[in-house]
Amino acid sequence: GEESAAASSLAGLSLQEAKQILNVTSVDPVDIAKNYE
């Protein structure tokens, strides 16, 4: 939890915002890569 909060702080994006931008509902590497591309 601490690492996740730190990652949000460093990236400037919360996990929720990142999911919304890439239009994913879960943290699935395959979906992330597909939507990112």
PDB file of all heavy atoms in Angstrom:
ATOM      1  N   GLY A   1       0.816  -1.204   0.000  1.00  0.00           N
ATOM      2  CA  GLY A   1       0.000   0.000   0.000  1.00  0.00           C
ATOM      3  C   GLY A   1       0.848   1.252   0.000  1.00  0.00           C
ATOM      4  O   GLY A   1       0.545   2.229  -0.681  1.00  0.00           O
ATOM      5  N   GLU A   2       1.920   1.210   0.763  1.00  0.00           N
ATOM      6  CA  GLU A   2       2.830   2.360   0.809  1.00  0.00           C
ATOM      7  C   GLU A   2       3.521   2.549  -0.538  1.00  0.00           C
ATOM      8  O   GLU A   2       3.682   3.664  -1.009  1.00  0.00           O
ATOM      9  CB  GLU A   2       3.874   2.158   1.907  1.00  0.00           C
ATOM     10  CG  GLU A   2       3.301   2.196   3.304  1.00  0.00           C
ATOM     11  CD  GLU A   2       4.293   1.747   4.368  1.00  0.00           C
ATOM     12  OE1 GLU A   2       5.453   1.467   4.029  1.00  0.00           O
ATOM     13  OE2 GLU A   2       3.882   1.674   5.535  1.00  0.00           O
ATOM     14  N   GLU A   3       3.917   1.456  -1.166  1.00  0.00           N
ATOM     15  CA  GLU A   3       4.573   1.544  -2.475  1.00  0.00           C
ATOM     16  C   GLU A   3       3.613   2.090  -3.524  1.00  0.00           C
ATOM     17  O   GLU A   3       3.999   2.880  -4.376  1.00  0.00           O
ATOM     18  CB  GLU A   3       5.095   0.179  -2.909  1.00  0.00           C
ATOM     19  CG  GLU A   3       6.321  -0.263  -2.168  1.00  0.00           C
ATOM     20  CD  GLU A   3       6.847  -1.596  -2.677  1.00  0.00           C
ATOM     21  OE1 GLU A   3       6.545  -1.971  -3.823  1.00  0.00           O
ATOM     22  OE2 GLU A   3       7.572  -2.257  -1.919  1.00  0.00           O
ATOM     23  N   SER A   4       2.358   1.669  -3.464  1.00  0.00           N
ATOM     24  CA  SER A   4       1.366   2.146  -4.420  1.00  0.00           C
ATOM     25  C   SER A   4       1.135   3.645  -4.263  1.00  0.00           C
ATOM     26  O   SER A   4       1.045   4.380  -5.247  1.00  0.00           O
ATOM     27  CB  SER A   4       0.049   1.389  -4.248  1.00  0.00           C
ATOM     28  OG  SER A   4      -0.901   1.813  -5.184  1.00  0.00           O
ATOM     29  N   ALA A   5       1.035   4.098  -3.021  1.00  0.00           N
ATOM     30  CA  ALA A   5       0.842   5.528  -2.767  1.00  0.00           C
ATOM     31  C   ALA A   5       2.062   6.315  -3.245  1.00  0.00           C
ATOM     32  O   ALA A   5       1.926   7.396  -3.830  1.00  0.00           O
ATOM     33  CB  ALA A   5       0.593   5.780  -1.291  1.00  0.00           C
ATOM     34  N   ALA A   6       3.239   5.760  -3.015  1.00  0.00           N
ATOM     35  CA  ALA A   6       4.464   6.425  -3.474  1.00  0.00           C
ATOM     36  C   ALA A   6       4.503   6.475  -4.993  1.00  0.00           C
ATOM     37  O   ALA A   6       4.896   7.486  -5.585  1.00  0.00           O
ATOM     38  CB  ALA A   6       5.686   5.697  -2.935  1.00  0.00           C
ATOM     39  N   ALA A   7       4.070   5.401  -5.650  1.00  0.00           N
ATOM     40  CA  ALA A   7       4.046   5.375  -7.115  1.00  0.00           C
ATOM     41  C   ALA A   7       3.081   6.420  -7.652  1.00  0.00           C
ATOM     42  O   ALA A   7       3.365   7.101  -8.642  1.00  0.00           O
ATOM     43  CB  ALA A   7       3.665   3.983  -7.620  1.00  0.00           C
ATOM     44  N   SER A   8       1.945   6.579  -7.001  1.00  0.00           N
ATOM     45  CA  SER A   8       0.982   7.605  -7.417  1.00  0.00           C
ATOM     46  C   SER A   8       1.598   8.987  -7.296  1.00  0.00           C
ATOM     47  O   SER A   8       1.441   9.834  -8.170  1.00  0.00           O
ATOM     48  CB  SER A   8      -0.283   7.551  -6.554  1.00  0.00           C
ATOM     49  OG  SER A   8      -1.021   6.405  -6.834  1.00  0.00           O
ATOM     50  N   SER A   9       2.301   9.200  -6.206  1.00  0.00           N
ATOM     51  CA  SER A   9       2.917  10.492  -5.971  1.00  0.00           C
ATOM     52  C   SER A   9       3.997  10.788  -7.003  1.00  0.00           C
ATOM     53  O   SER A   9       4.065  11.891  -7.543  1.00  0.00           O
ATOM     54  CB  SER A   9       3.504  10.526  -4.565  1.00  0.00           C
ATOM     55  OG  SER A   9       4.134  11.751  -4.329  1.00  0.00           O
ATOM     56  N   LEU A  10       4.835   9.805  -7.290  1.00  0.00           N
ATOM     57  CA  LEU A  10       5.926  10.011  -8.244  1.00  0.00           C
ATOM     58  C   LEU A  10       5.422  10.175  -9.672  1.00  0.00           C
ATOM     59  O   LEU A  10       5.933  10.983 -10.432  1.00  0.00           O
ATOM     60  CB  LEU A  10       6.922   8.851  -8.179  1.00  0.00           C
ATOM     61  CG  LEU A  10       7.755   8.785  -6.910  1.00  0.00           C
ATOM     62  CD1 LEU A  10       8.590   7.515  -6.893  1.00  0.00           C
ATOM     63  CD2 LEU A  10       8.644  10.005  -6.780  1.00  0.00           C
ATOM     64  N   ALA A  11       4.425   9.381 -10.041  1.00  0.00           N
ATOM     65  CA  ALA A  11       3.913   9.429 -11.409  1.00  0.00           C
ATOM     66  C   ALA A  11       3.031  10.648 -11.633  1.00  0.00           C
ATOM     67  O   ALA A  11       2.816  11.060 -12.772  1.00  0.00           O
ATOM     68  CB  ALA A  11       3.128   8.161 -11.735  1.00  0.00           C
ATOM     69  N   GLY A  12       2.498  11.197 -10.580  1.00  0.00           N
ATOM     70  CA  GLY A  12       1.598  12.324 -10.727  1.00  0.00           C
ATOM     71  C   GLY A  12       0.198  11.891 -11.129  1.00  0.00           C
ATOM     72  O   GLY A  12      -0.641  12.713 -11.447  1.00  0.00           O
ATOM     73  N   LEU A  13      -0.030  10.591 -11.124  1.00  0.00           N
ATOM     74  CA  LEU A  13      -1.337  10.030 -11.465  1.00  0.00           C
ATOM     75  C   LEU A  13      -1.728   9.023 -10.404  1.00  0.00           C
ATOM     76  O   LEU A  13      -0.896   8.237  -9.958  1.00  0.00           O
ATOM     77  CB  LEU A  13      -1.275   9.269 -12.791  1.00  0.00           C
ATOM     78  CG  LEU A  13      -1.178  10.007 -14.093  1.00  0.00           C
ATOM     79  CD1 LEU A  13      -1.001   9.012 -15.232  1.00  0.00           C
ATOM     80  CD2 LEU A  13      -2.400  10.851 -14.334  1.00  0.00           C
ATOM     81  N   SER A  14      -2.981   9.032 -10.033  1.00  0.00           N
ATOM     82  CA  SER A  14      -3.452   7.989  -9.137  1.00  0.00           C
ATOM     83  C   SER A  14      -3.702   6.733  -9.965  1.00  0.00           C
ATOM     84  O   SER A  14      -3.770   6.777 -11.200  1.00  0.00           O
ATOM     85  CB  SER A  14      -4.747   8.419  -8.441  1.00  0.00           C
ATOM     86  OG  SER A  14      -5.810   8.455  -9.375  1.00  0.00           O
ATOM     87  N   LEU A  15      -3.847   5.626  -9.285  1.00  0.00           N
ATOM     88  CA  LEU A  15      -4.147   4.366  -9.970  1.00  0.00           C
ATOM     89  C   LEU A  15      -5.461   4.499 -10.740  1.00  0.00           C
ATOM     90  O   LEU A  15      -5.558   4.068 -11.897  1.00  0.00           O
ATOM     91  CB  LEU A  15      -4.216   3.230  -8.947  1.00  0.00           C
ATOM     92  CG  LEU A  15      -4.547   1.854  -9.492  1.00  0.00           C
ATOM     93  CD1 LEU A  15      -3.523   1.414 -10.524  1.00  0.00           C
ATOM     94  CD2 LEU A  15      -4.615   0.856  -8.345  1.00  0.00           C
ATOM     95  N   GLN A  16      -6.439   5.120 -10.136  1.00  0.00           N
ATOM     96  CA  GLN A  16      -7.751   5.305 -10.774  1.00  0.00           C
ATOM     97  C   GLN A  16      -7.619   6.120 -12.065  1.00  0.00           C
ATOM     98  O   GLN A  16      -8.200   5.781 -13.086  1.00  0.00           O
ATOM     99  CB  GLN A  16      -8.703   5.999  -9.793  1.00  0.00           C
ATOM    100  CG  GLN A  16     -10.018   6.421 -10.388  1.00  0.00           C
ATOM    101  CD  GLN A  16     -11.140   5.526  -9.956  1.00  0.00           C
ATOM    102  OE1 GLN A  16     -10.958   4.683  -9.110  1.00  0.00           O
ATOM    103  NE2 GLN A  16     -12.289   5.713 -10.547  1.00  0.00           N
ATOM    104  N   GLU A  17      -6.871   7.221 -12.004  1.00  0.00           N
ATOM    105  CA  GLU A  17      -6.685   8.058 -13.193  1.00  0.00           C
ATOM    106  C   GLU A  17      -5.992   7.289 -14.306  1.00  0.00           C
ATOM    107  O   GLU A  17      -6.378   7.383 -15.473  1.00  0.00           O
ATOM    108  CB  GLU A  17      -5.858   9.295 -12.848  1.00  0.00           C
ATOM    109  CG  GLU A  17      -6.570  10.298 -11.981  1.00  0.00           C
ATOM    110  CD  GLU A  17      -5.642  11.384 -11.476  1.00  0.00           C
ATOM    111  OE1 GLU A  17      -4.488  11.073 -11.100  1.00  0.00           O
ATOM    112  OE2 GLU A  17      -6.078  12.557 -11.468  1.00  0.00           O
ATOM    113  N   ALA A  18      -4.972   6.528 -13.943  1.00  0.00           N
ATOM    114  CA  ALA A  18      -4.238   5.753 -14.941  1.00  0.00           C
ATOM    115  C   ALA A  18      -5.157   4.730 -15.608  1.00  0.00           C
ATOM    116  O   ALA A  18      -5.117   4.540 -16.831  1.00  0.00           O
ATOM    117  CB  ALA A  18      -3.041   5.064 -14.305  1.00  0.00           C
ATOM    118  N   LYS A  19      -6.001   4.083 -14.813  1.00  0.00           N
ATOM    119  CA  LYS A  19      -6.959   3.117 -15.374  1.00  0.00           C
ATOM    120  C   LYS A  19      -7.933   3.807 -16.327  1.00  0.00           C
ATOM    121  O   LYS A  19      -8.270   3.266 -17.375  1.00  0.00           O
ATOM    122  CB  LYS A  19      -7.740   2.428 -14.252  1.00  0.00           C
ATOM    123  CG  LYS A  19      -6.964   1.390 -13.498  1.00  0.00           C
ATOM    124  CD  LYS A  19      -7.870   0.800 -12.415  1.00  0.00           C
ATOM    125  CE  LYS A  19      -7.232  -0.303 -11.643  1.00  0.00           C
ATOM    126  NZ  LYS A  19      -8.134  -0.843 -10.612  1.00  0.00           N
ATOM    127  N   GLN A  20      -8.393   4.987 -15.945  1.00  0.00           N
ATOM    128  CA  GLN A  20      -9.334   5.713 -16.797  1.00  0.00           C
ATOM    129  C   GLN A  20      -8.685   6.132 -18.109  1.00  0.00           C
ATOM    130  O   GLN A  20      -9.303   6.030 -19.170  1.00  0.00           O
ATOM    131  CB  GLN A  20      -9.880   6.938 -16.069  1.00  0.00           C
ATOM    132  CG  GLN A  20     -10.846   6.594 -14.968  1.00  0.00           C
ATOM    133  CD  GLN A  20     -11.287   7.818 -14.171  1.00  0.00           C
ATOM    134  OE1 GLN A  20     -10.638   8.852 -14.192  1.00  0.00           O
ATOM    135  NE2 GLN A  20     -12.397   7.677 -13.460  1.00  0.00           N
ATOM    136  N   ILE A  21      -7.452   6.602 -18.047  1.00  0.00           N
ATOM    137  CA  ILE A  21      -6.770   7.048 -19.256  1.00  0.00           C
ATOM    138  C   ILE A  21      -6.595   5.892 -20.235  1.00  0.00           C
ATOM    139  O   ILE A  21      -6.835   6.038 -21.433  1.00  0.00           O
ATOM    140  CB  ILE A  21      -5.410   7.692 -18.912  1.00  0.00           C
ATOM    141  CG1 ILE A  21      -5.640   9.037 -18.204  1.00  0.00           C
ATOM    142  CG2 ILE A  21      -4.552   7.887 -20.162  1.00  0.00           C
ATOM    143  CD1 ILE A  21      -4.396   9.635 -17.585  1.00  0.00           C
ATOM    144  N   LEU A  22      -6.181   4.734 -19.724  1.00  0.00           N
ATOM    145  CA  LEU A  22      -5.963   3.583 -20.605  1.00  0.00           C
ATOM    146  C   LEU A  22      -7.220   2.726 -20.781  1.00  0.00           C
ATOM    147  O   LEU A  22      -7.178   1.710 -21.475  1.00  0.00           O
ATOM    148  CB  LEU A  22      -4.810   2.722 -20.098  1.00  0.00           C
ATOM    149  CG  LEU A  22      -3.430   3.331 -20.264  1.00  0.00           C
ATOM    150  CD1 LEU A  22      -2.354   2.354 -19.821  1.00  0.00           C
ATOM    151  CD2 LEU A  22      -3.172   3.756 -21.691  1.00  0.00           C
ATOM    152  N   ASN A  23      -8.318   3.137 -20.159  1.00  0.00           N
ATOM    153  CA  ASN A  23      -9.600   2.454 -20.308  1.00  0.00           C
ATOM    154  C   ASN A  23      -9.507   0.976 -19.934  1.00  0.00           C
ATOM    155  O   ASN A  23      -9.913   0.098 -20.697  1.00  0.00           O
ATOM    156  CB  ASN A  23     -10.145   2.625 -21.732  1.00  0.00           C
ATOM    157  CG  ASN A  23     -11.604   2.241 -21.835  1.00  0.00           C
ATOM    158  OD1 ASN A  23     -12.339   2.338 -20.860  1.00  0.00           O
ATOM    159  ND2 ASN A  23     -12.016   1.796 -23.006  1.00  0.00           N
ATOM    160  N   VAL A  24      -8.947   0.715 -18.754  1.00  0.00           N
ATOM    161  CA  VAL A  24      -8.900  -0.649 -18.228  1.00  0.00           C
ATOM    162  C   VAL A  24      -9.590  -0.666 -16.874  1.00  0.00           C
ATOM    163  O   VAL A  24      -9.630   0.336 -16.174  1.00  0.00           O
ATOM    164  CB  VAL A  24      -7.447  -1.178 -18.090  1.00  0.00           C
ATOM    165  CG1 VAL A  24      -6.795  -1.336 -19.441  1.00  0.00           C
ATOM    166  CG2 VAL A  24      -6.609  -0.290 -17.197  1.00  0.00           C
ATOM    167  N   THR A  25     -10.142  -1.824 -16.525  1.00  0.00           N
ATOM    168  CA  THR A  25     -10.835  -1.940 -15.239  1.00  0.00           C
ATOM    169  C   THR A  25      -9.992  -2.657 -14.205  1.00  0.00           C
ATOM    170  O   THR A  25     -10.225  -2.515 -13.015  1.00  0.00           O
ATOM    171  CB  THR A  25     -12.174  -2.683 -15.403  1.00  0.00           C
ATOM    172  OG1 THR A  25     -11.922  -3.938 -16.024  1.00  0.00           O
ATOM    173  CG2 THR A  25     -13.136  -1.870 -16.257  1.00  0.00           C
ATOM    174  N   SER A  26      -9.021  -3.441 -14.669  1.00  0.00           N
ATOM    175  CA  SER A  26      -8.155  -4.160 -13.732  1.00  0.00           C
ATOM    176  C   SER A  26      -6.703  -3.929 -14.128  1.00  0.00           C
ATOM    177  O   SER A  26      -6.409  -3.407 -15.202  1.00  0.00           O
ATOM    178  CB  SER A  26      -8.470  -5.656 -13.761  1.00  0.00           C
ATOM    179  OG  SER A  26      -8.163  -6.183 -15.033  1.00  0.00           O
ATOM    180  N   VAL A  27      -5.816  -4.355 -13.263  1.00  0.00           N
ATOM    181  CA  VAL A  27      -4.388  -4.197 -13.526  1.00  0.00           C
ATOM    182  C   VAL A  27      -3.898  -5.480 -14.198  1.00  0.00           C
ATOM    183  O   VAL A  27      -3.150  -6.262 -13.622  1.00  0.00           O
ATOM    184  CB  VAL A  27      -3.627  -3.897 -12.214  1.00  0.00           C
ATOM    185  CG1 VAL A  27      -2.165  -3.622 -12.496  1.00  0.00           C
ATOM    186  CG2 VAL A  27      -4.241  -2.711 -11.504  1.00  0.00           C
ATOM    187  N   ASP A  28      -4.357  -5.675 -15.425  1.00  0.00           N
ATOM    188  CA  ASP A  28      -3.978  -6.848 -16.212  1.00  0.00           C
ATOM    189  C   ASP A  28      -2.946  -6.415 -17.256  1.00  0.00           C
ATOM    190  O   ASP A  28      -3.263  -5.578 -18.117  1.00  0.00           O
ATOM    191  CB  ASP A  28      -5.212  -7.436 -16.891  1.00  0.00           C
ATOM    192  CG  ASP A  28      -4.888  -8.608 -17.784  1.00  0.00           C
ATOM    193  OD1 ASP A  28      -3.944  -9.357 -17.469  1.00  0.00           O
ATOM    194  OD2 ASP A  28      -5.589  -8.779 -18.806  1.00  0.00           O
ATOM    195  N   PRO A  29      -1.740  -6.962 -17.207  1.00  0.00           N
ATOM    196  CA  PRO A  29      -0.687  -6.520 -18.127  1.00  0.00           C
ATOM    197  C   PRO A  29      -1.056  -6.643 -19.606  1.00  0.00           C
ATOM    198  O   PRO A  29      -0.668  -5.803 -20.413  1.00  0.00           O
ATOM    199  CB  PRO A  29       0.501  -7.433 -17.788  1.00  0.00           C
ATOM    200  CG  PRO A  29       0.235  -7.922 -16.411  1.00  0.00           C
ATOM    201  CD  PRO A  29      -1.252  -7.961 -16.261  1.00  0.00           C
ATOM    202  N   VAL A  30      -1.843  -7.643 -19.959  1.00  0.00           N
ATOM    203  CA  VAL A  30      -2.229  -7.832 -21.364  1.00  0.00           C
ATOM    204  C   VAL A  30      -3.158  -6.710 -21.817  1.00  0.00           C
ATOM    205  O   VAL A  30      -2.952  -6.101 -22.875  1.00  0.00           O
ATOM    206  CB  VAL A  30      -2.888  -9.220 -21.562  1.00  0.00           C
ATOM    207  CG1 VAL A  30      -3.410  -9.373 -22.975  1.00  0.00           C
ATOM    208  CG2 VAL A  30      -1.910 -10.326 -21.213  1.00  0.00           C
ATOM    209  N   ASP A  31      -4.181  -6.416 -21.008  1.00  0.00           N
ATOM    210  CA  ASP A  31      -5.112  -5.330 -21.346  1.00  0.00           C
ATOM    211  C   ASP A  31      -4.397  -3.982 -21.376  1.00  0.00           C
ATOM    212  O   ASP A  31      -4.655  -3.147 -22.247  1.00  0.00           O
ATOM    213  CB  ASP A  31      -6.262  -5.254 -20.334  1.00  0.00           C
ATOM    214  CG  ASP A  31      -7.243  -6.401 -20.474  1.00  0.00           C
ATOM    215  OD1 ASP A  31      -7.237  -7.069 -21.535  1.00  0.00           O
ATOM    216  OD2 ASP A  31      -8.006  -6.639 -19.517  1.00  0.00           O
ATOM    217  N   ILE A  32      -3.508  -3.775 -20.428  1.00  0.00           N
ATOM    218  CA  ILE A  32      -2.759  -2.515 -20.363  1.00  0.00           C
ATOM    219  C   ILE A  32      -1.947  -2.328 -21.635  1.00  0.00           C
ATOM    220  O   ILE A  32      -1.998  -1.280 -22.278  1.00  0.00           O
ATOM    221  CB  ILE A  32      -1.848  -2.474 -19.119  1.00  0.00           C
ATOM    222  CG1 ILE A  32      -2.702  -2.407 -17.852  1.00  0.00           C
ATOM    223  CG2 ILE A  32      -0.888  -1.304 -19.186  1.00  0.00           C
ATOM    224  CD1 ILE A  32      -1.922  -2.646 -16.566  1.00  0.00           C
ATOM    225  N   ALA A  33      -1.213  -3.367 -22.033  1.00  0.00           N
ATOM    226  CA  ALA A  33      -0.369  -3.281 -23.228  1.00  0.00           C
ATOM    227  C   ALA A  33      -1.199  -3.064 -24.486  1.00  0.00           C
ATOM    228  O   ALA A  33      -0.851  -2.239 -25.339  1.00  0.00           O
ATOM    229  CB  ALA A  33       0.484  -4.540 -23.357  1.00  0.00           C
ATOM    230  N   LYS A  34      -2.305  -3.781 -24.594  1.00  0.00           N
ATOM    231  CA  LYS A  34      -3.170  -3.672 -25.780  1.00  0.00           C
ATOM    232  C   LYS A  34      -3.752  -2.262 -25.903  1.00  0.00           C
ATOM    233  O   LYS A  34      -3.668  -1.636 -26.965  1.00  0.00           O
ATOM    234  CB  LYS A  34      -4.294  -4.716 -25.698  1.00  0.00           C
ATOM    235  CG  LYS A  34      -5.187  -4.753 -26.930  1.00  0.00           C
ATOM    236  CD  LYS A  34      -6.278  -5.793 -26.780  1.00  0.00           C
ATOM    237  CE  LYS A  34      -7.412  -5.142 -26.035  1.00  0.00           C
ATOM    238  NZ  LYS A  34      -8.632  -5.896 -25.946  1.00  0.00           N
ATOM    239  N   ASN A  35      -4.316  -1.758 -24.824  1.00  0.00           N
ATOM    240  CA  ASN A  35      -4.916  -0.418 -24.862  1.00  0.00           C
ATOM    241  C   ASN A  35      -3.861   0.663 -25.042  1.00  0.00           C
ATOM    242  O   ASN A  35      -4.089   1.656 -25.736  1.00  0.00           O
ATOM    243  CB  ASN A  35      -5.744  -0.170 -23.611  1.00  0.00           C
ATOM    244  CG  ASN A  35      -7.028  -0.965 -23.600  1.00  0.00           C
ATOM    245  OD1 ASN A  35      -7.250  -1.817 -24.446  1.00  0.00           O
ATOM    246  ND2 ASN A  35      -7.873  -0.714 -22.628  1.00  0.00           N
ATOM    247  N   TYR A  36      -2.709   0.471 -24.422  1.00  0.00           N
ATOM    248  CA  TYR A  36      -1.616   1.434 -24.576  1.00  0.00           C
ATOM    249  C   TYR A  36      -1.202   1.532 -26.042  1.00  0.00           C
ATOM    250  O   TYR A  36      -1.094   2.640 -26.581  1.00  0.00           O
ATOM    251  CB  TYR A  36      -0.423   1.020 -23.712  1.00  0.00           C
ATOM    252  CG  TYR A  36       0.827   1.796 -24.050  1.00  0.00           C
ATOM    253  CD1 TYR A  36       0.994   3.095 -23.598  1.00  0.00           C
ATOM    254  CD2 TYR A  36       1.828   1.239 -24.841  1.00  0.00           C
ATOM    255  CE1 TYR A  36       2.130   3.821 -23.914  1.00  0.00           C
ATOM    256  CE2 TYR A  36       2.959   1.954 -25.157  1.00  0.00           C
ATOM    257  CZ  TYR A  36       3.110   3.240 -24.696  1.00  0.00           C
ATOM    258  OH  TYR A  36       4.223   3.954 -25.026  1.00  0.00           O
ATOM    259  N   GLU A  37      -0.960   0.400 -26.673  1.00  0.00           N
ATOM    260  CA  GLU A  37      -0.526   0.405 -28.084  1.00  0.00           C
ATOM    261  C   GLU A  37      -1.544   1.128 -28.961  1.00  0.00           C
ATOM    262  O   GLU A  37      -1.184   1.966 -29.794  1.00  0.00           O
ATOM    263  CB  GLU A  37      -0.322  -1.030 -28.596  1.00  0.00           C
ATOM    264  CG  GLU A  37       0.882  -1.715 -28.013  1.00  0.00           C
ATOM    265  CD  GLU A  37       2.201  -1.064 -28.393  1.00  0.00           C
ATOM    266  OE1 GLU A  37       2.322  -0.542 -29.525  1.00  0.00           O
ATOM    267  OE2 GLU A  37       3.106  -1.062 -27.536  1.00  0.00           O
TER     268      GLU A  37
END
